[in-house]
């Protein structure tokens, strides 16, 4: 994912969740160049994947929550 596109996603998430510590950074090991890492307050929380099938673009956010992290 290009830096400009990751910045747009970052701004969207910051506004949507009213949290300016949310950051989106293109993944350096991304072979398909279609994803970005998402962090909140410097802690990695998930990945956004770009989906551009059928001529339409959308983004999927994937966040794993471990059982041991739930109180």
Protein backbone atom coordinates (compact mmCIF):
# COMPACT_ATOMS: atom_id res chain seq x y z
CA UNK A 1 0.00 0.00 0.00
CA UNK A 2 1.33 3.43 -0.88
CA UNK A 3 2.09 5.91 1.89
CA UNK A 4 -0.59 8.35 0.68
CA UNK A 5 -3.25 5.68 0.80
CA UNK A 6 -2.14 4.59 4.29
CA UNK A 7 -2.34 8.24 5.39
CA UNK A 8 -5.94 8.46 4.17
CA UNK A 9 -6.85 5.34 6.13
CA UNK A 10 -5.04 6.71 9.19
CA UNK A 11 -6.99 9.98 9.06
CA UNK A 12 -10.25 8.10 8.59
CA UNK A 13 -9.62 5.83 11.60
CA UNK A 14 -8.44 8.74 13.77
CA UNK A 15 -11.62 10.67 13.01
CA UNK A 16 -13.92 7.64 13.26
CA UNK A 17 -12.59 6.59 16.67
CA UNK A 18 -11.66 10.08 17.93
CA UNK A 19 -8.11 8.93 18.62
CA UNK A 20 -5.09 10.71 17.16
CA UNK A 21 -2.70 7.98 18.34
CA UNK A 22 -3.93 5.63 15.59
CA UNK A 23 -1.26 5.17 12.91
CA UNK A 24 -1.30 3.31 9.58
CA UNK A 25 2.02 2.28 8.07
CA UNK A 26 2.50 0.39 4.81
CA UNK A 27 3.96 -3.05 5.49
CA UNK A 28 7.56 -3.29 4.34
CA UNK A 29 7.31 -7.05 3.76
CA UNK A 30 4.08 -6.80 1.75
CA UNK A 31 4.67 -8.61 -1.53
CA UNK A 32 1.27 -7.67 -2.95
CA UNK A 33 1.60 -4.08 -1.71
CA UNK A 34 -1.99 -4.16 -0.51
CA UNK A 35 -1.85 -3.79 3.26
CA UNK A 36 -0.85 -1.53 6.13
CA UNK A 37 -0.14 -2.13 9.82
CA UNK A 38 -2.39 -0.34 12.30
CA UNK A 39 -1.15 0.74 15.71
CA UNK A 40 -2.78 2.58 18.59
CA UNK A 41 -0.54 4.46 20.97
CA UNK A 42 2.47 2.74 19.44
CA UNK A 43 1.10 -0.79 19.98
CA UNK A 44 0.36 -2.98 16.95
CA UNK A 45 -3.34 -3.89 16.83
CA UNK A 46 -4.05 -5.19 13.33
CA UNK A 47 -3.76 -4.98 9.57
CA UNK A 48 -5.82 -3.23 6.90
CA UNK A 49 -6.04 -5.05 3.57
CA UNK A 50 -6.97 -3.37 0.31
CA UNK A 51 -9.54 -5.19 -1.84
CA UNK A 52 -9.92 -3.88 -5.39
CA UNK A 53 -11.78 -6.69 -7.08
CA UNK A 54 -14.57 -6.01 -9.58
CA UNK A 55 -13.41 -2.43 -10.12
CA UNK A 56 -14.44 -1.27 -6.64
CA UNK A 57 -12.03 -0.53 -3.81
CA UNK A 58 -12.72 -1.33 -0.16
CA UNK A 59 -10.56 -1.99 2.88
CA UNK A 60 -10.81 -4.79 5.44
CA UNK A 61 -9.49 -4.30 8.96
CA UNK A 62 -8.34 -7.48 10.72
CA UNK A 63 -7.67 -7.47 14.45
CA UNK A 64 -6.94 -10.58 16.50
CA UNK A 65 -7.96 -10.61 20.15
CA UNK A 66 -6.33 -13.33 22.21
CA UNK A 67 -8.38 -15.03 24.89
CA UNK A 68 -5.64 -14.27 27.42
CA UNK A 69 -5.99 -10.54 26.72
CA UNK A 70 -9.67 -10.44 27.66
CA UNK A 71 -10.33 -9.66 31.32
